Amino acid sequence: MNRRKSSEVATISIFFAIMLLIHFISSFVFNIWPLPIKPTLVHIPVIVASVLYGPRIGSILGGLMGIISVITNTIILLPTNYLFSPFVDHGNIFSLVIAIVPRVLIGVTPYLCYKYLANKVGLIMSGIIGSLTNTIFVLSGIFIFFGRVFDGNIKALLAGIVSSNALAEMLISAIVVMAIVPTLSKIKK
């Protein structure tokens, strides 16, 4: 039992370190990136861990992704930080819900998808479903809890995000999950 627990802690630690590395590198790159598309990439290790190790480890990593989001949006101030941090002006408890709940779900939905489609298509769909889980639940939370922002015209902001970032995130997630999971599966055995 102790060995299994140690193995889980080590797995979570490795994936979390990868998430932090992706977060710092993508934050730096997207600050100098000239295009308006700035996809979230931190969710990819959560999806990979969910498929390989199950929803428990996936959801723990998803929760850690949510905590990264809260900390980042508390420290680096932007006009939309209140959507993900209750510790800045106009932020509230719903900011925590938006920052954490969708990310925990990223650790569950790819696992369920791959469980029922355990093949190459299942890997592609797991990447897409994991990415969509984040997009749908975060944007729905923003719409439900902060719908009056921008004089009630938040639909334009959300449509812009869906049409640019969400499509890029789904494509990148599907490709990376399909490419990485088979190799990591062999190593894991």
Protein backbone atom coordinates (compact mmCIF):
# COMPACT_ATOMS: atom_id res chain seq x y z
CA MET A 1 0.00 0.00 0.00
CA ASN A 2 2.84 2.41 0.88
CA ARG A 3 4.60 1.64 -2.40
CA ARG A 4 1.44 2.41 -4.40
CA LYS A 5 0.96 5.70 -2.55
CA SER A 6 4.60 6.65 -3.13
CA SER A 7 4.22 5.86 -6.81
CA GLU A 8 1.13 8.08 -7.05
CA VAL A 9 2.89 10.96 -5.29
CA ALA A 10 5.86 10.60 -7.64
CA THR A 11 3.57 10.53 -10.70
CA ILE A 12 1.66 13.60 -9.55
CA SER A 13 4.91 15.41 -8.77
CA ILE A 14 6.41 14.69 -12.20
CA PHE A 15 3.27 15.77 -14.05
CA PHE A 16 2.93 18.86 -11.87
CA ALA A 17 6.53 19.84 -12.61
CA ILE A 18 5.79 19.45 -16.33
CA MET A 19 2.67 21.60 -15.92
CA LEU A 20 4.67 24.34 -14.20
CA LEU A 21 7.31 24.23 -16.92
CA ILE A 22 4.67 24.49 -19.65
CA HIS A 23 2.98 27.33 -17.76
CA PHE A 24 6.16 29.40 -17.41
CA ILE A 25 7.37 28.78 -20.96
CA SER A 26 3.98 29.44 -22.56
CA SER A 27 3.48 32.58 -20.45
CA PHE A 28 6.81 33.92 -21.69
CA VAL A 29 6.26 32.92 -25.32
CA PHE A 30 2.69 34.23 -25.49
CA ASN A 31 3.77 37.59 -24.06
CA ILE A 32 5.90 38.15 -27.17
CA TRP A 33 3.61 36.18 -29.52
CA PRO A 34 2.26 38.58 -32.16
CA LEU A 35 -0.92 36.62 -32.94
CA PRO A 36 -4.16 36.98 -30.94
CA ILE A 37 -4.39 33.19 -30.48
CA LYS A 38 -2.91 32.25 -27.11
CA PRO A 39 -4.00 28.67 -26.39
CA THR A 40 -3.88 27.15 -22.93
CA LEU A 41 -1.39 24.29 -22.92
CA VAL A 42 -1.19 23.43 -19.21
CA HIS A 43 -4.21 21.15 -19.49
CA ILE A 44 -2.39 18.69 -21.78
CA PRO A 45 -0.45 16.92 -18.97
CA VAL A 46 -3.74 16.65 -17.07
CA ILE A 47 -5.35 14.92 -20.05
CA VAL A 48 -2.37 12.60 -20.54
CA ALA A 49 -2.29 11.68 -16.83
CA SER A 50 -6.04 11.09 -16.84
CA VAL A 51 -5.79 8.64 -19.74
CA LEU A 52 -2.73 6.85 -18.34
CA TYR A 53 -3.40 6.85 -14.60
CA GLY A 54 -7.12 7.36 -14.21
CA PRO A 55 -9.50 10.03 -12.98
CA ARG A 56 -8.12 10.25 -9.44
CA ILE A 57 -4.64 11.38 -10.46
CA GLY A 58 -6.11 13.35 -13.36
CA SER A 59 -8.49 15.28 -11.13
CA ILE A 60 -5.75 16.02 -8.57
CA LEU A 61 -3.61 17.45 -11.37
CA GLY A 62 -6.63 19.35 -12.67
CA GLY A 63 -7.11 20.86 -9.22
CA LEU A 64 -3.44 21.87 -9.21
CA MET A 65 -3.98 23.47 -12.62
CA GLY A 66 -6.84 25.46 -11.11
CA ILE A 67 -4.61 26.58 -8.24
CA ILE A 68 -1.97 27.69 -10.77
CA SER A 69 -4.68 29.75 -12.47
CA VAL A 70 -5.80 31.37 -9.21
CA ILE A 71 -2.23 32.25 -8.20
CA THR A 72 -1.32 33.60 -11.64
CA ASN A 73 -4.47 35.72 -11.83
CA THR A 74 -3.84 37.06 -8.34
CA ILE A 75 -0.23 38.06 -9.00
CA ILE A 76 -0.16 39.16 -12.65
CA LEU A 77 -2.87 41.78 -12.96
CA LEU A 78 -4.93 41.97 -16.13
CA PRO A 79 -8.44 43.37 -16.71
CA THR A 80 -10.00 39.88 -16.60
CA ASN A 81 -8.24 38.53 -13.48
CA TYR A 82 -11.37 38.70 -11.36
CA LEU A 83 -12.83 35.87 -13.46
CA PHE A 84 -10.27 33.46 -11.96
CA SER A 85 -9.23 35.01 -8.65
CA PRO A 86 -11.38 36.04 -5.70
CA PHE A 87 -8.40 37.95 -4.30
CA VAL A 88 -8.52 40.85 -6.79
CA ASP A 89 -11.08 43.63 -7.24
CA HIS A 90 -14.49 42.34 -8.36
CA GLY A 91 -13.45 38.71 -7.81
CA ASN A 92 -15.66 36.49 -5.65
CA ILE A 93 -16.30 32.85 -4.73
CA PHE A 94 -17.52 32.17 -8.26
CA SER A 95 -14.05 33.08 -9.50
CA LEU A 96 -12.75 30.04 -7.59
CA VAL A 97 -15.49 27.88 -9.07
CA ILE A 98 -14.51 28.96 -12.60
CA ALA A 99 -10.79 28.49 -11.90
CA ILE A 100 -10.94 25.09 -10.23
CA VAL A 101 -14.05 23.02 -11.08
CA PRO A 102 -13.53 22.85 -14.87
CA ARG A 103 -9.88 21.95 -14.37
CA VAL A 104 -10.77 19.09 -11.99
CA LEU A 105 -13.22 17.82 -14.62
CA ILE A 106 -10.39 17.80 -17.21
CA GLY A 107 -8.92 15.01 -15.12
CA VAL A 108 -12.08 12.91 -15.43
CA THR A 109 -13.61 13.33 -18.91
CA PRO A 110 -10.61 12.18 -21.02
CA TYR A 111 -10.34 9.03 -18.91
CA LEU A 112 -14.01 8.22 -19.48
CA CYS A 113 -13.68 8.92 -23.19
CA TYR A 114 -10.62 6.70 -23.57
CA LYS A 115 -12.17 3.98 -21.42
CA TYR A 116 -14.96 3.58 -23.97
CA LEU A 117 -12.85 4.17 -27.11
CA ALA A 118 -9.55 2.50 -26.20
CA ASN A 119 -7.76 2.98 -29.52
CA LYS A 120 -6.14 5.72 -31.60
CA VAL A 121 -9.51 7.41 -32.13
CA GLY A 122 -10.02 7.26 -28.38
CA LEU A 123 -6.74 9.09 -27.83
CA ILE A 124 -7.67 11.81 -30.32
CA MET A 125 -11.13 12.14 -28.80
CA SER A 126 -9.69 12.20 -25.27
CA GLY A 127 -7.51 15.18 -26.23
CA ILE A 128 -10.47 16.95 -27.81
CA ILE A 129 -12.87 16.14 -24.94
CA GLY A 130 -10.36 17.21 -22.30
CA SER A 131 -9.81 20.51 -24.05
CA LEU A 132 -13.54 21.03 -24.62
CA THR A 133 -14.22 20.29 -20.95
CA ASN A 134 -12.04 23.22 -19.99
CA THR A 135 -13.45 25.54 -22.66
CA ILE A 136 -17.12 24.74 -22.14
CA PHE A 137 -17.12 24.84 -18.34
CA VAL A 138 -14.89 27.91 -18.00
CA LEU A 139 -16.81 29.92 -20.59
CA SER A 140 -20.18 28.75 -19.24
CA GLY A 141 -19.09 29.78 -15.75
CA ILE A 142 -18.03 33.19 -17.02
CA PHE A 143 -21.34 33.60 -18.83
CA ILE A 144 -23.44 32.45 -15.85
CA PHE A 145 -21.58 34.19 -13.03
CA PHE A 146 -20.22 37.28 -14.80
CA GLY A 147 -22.68 37.73 -17.66
CA ARG A 148 -23.24 41.40 -16.88
CA VAL A 149 -19.61 42.26 -17.51
CA PHE A 150 -18.92 44.40 -20.58
CA ASP A 151 -22.41 45.93 -20.24
CA GLY A 152 -24.00 42.52 -20.60
CA ASN A 153 -22.34 41.96 -23.98
CA ILE A 154 -19.98 39.22 -22.89
CA LYS A 155 -21.12 37.08 -25.84
CA ALA A 156 -18.69 38.87 -28.17
CA LEU A 157 -15.76 38.13 -25.86
CA LEU A 158 -16.75 34.48 -25.45
CA ALA A 159 -17.30 34.04 -29.21
CA GLY A 160 -13.82 35.40 -29.88
CA ILE A 161 -12.28 32.96 -27.42
CA VAL A 162 -14.18 29.99 -28.83
CA SER A 163 -13.35 30.81 -32.44
CA SER A 164 -9.61 31.24 -31.86
CA ASN A 165 -8.18 29.71 -28.70
CA ALA A 166 -10.60 26.79 -28.30
CA LEU A 167 -10.01 25.42 -31.78
CA ALA A 168 -6.23 25.70 -31.41
CA GLU A 169 -6.36 24.04 -27.97
CA MET A 170 -8.44 21.11 -29.26
CA LEU A 171 -6.13 20.50 -32.20
CA ILE A 172 -2.94 20.73 -30.13
CA SER A 173 -4.39 18.51 -27.38
CA ALA A 174 -5.52 15.83 -29.82
CA ILE A 175 -2.16 15.71 -31.59
CA VAL A 176 -0.05 15.70 -28.42
CA VAL A 177 -2.18 13.11 -26.60
CA MET A 178 -2.17 10.82 -29.65
CA ALA A 179 1.62 11.18 -29.98
CA ILE A 180 2.63 10.87 -26.32
CA VAL A 181 0.27 8.40 -24.63
CA PRO A 182 1.31 5.25 -26.58
CA THR A 183 4.98 5.83 -25.75
CA LEU A 184 4.27 6.61 -22.08
CA SER A 185 2.03 3.51 -21.89
CA LYS A 186 4.96 1.32 -22.96
CA ILE A 187 7.25 3.00 -20.43
CA LYS A 188 4.63 2.68 -17.69
CA LYS A 189 4.43 -1.12 -18.18
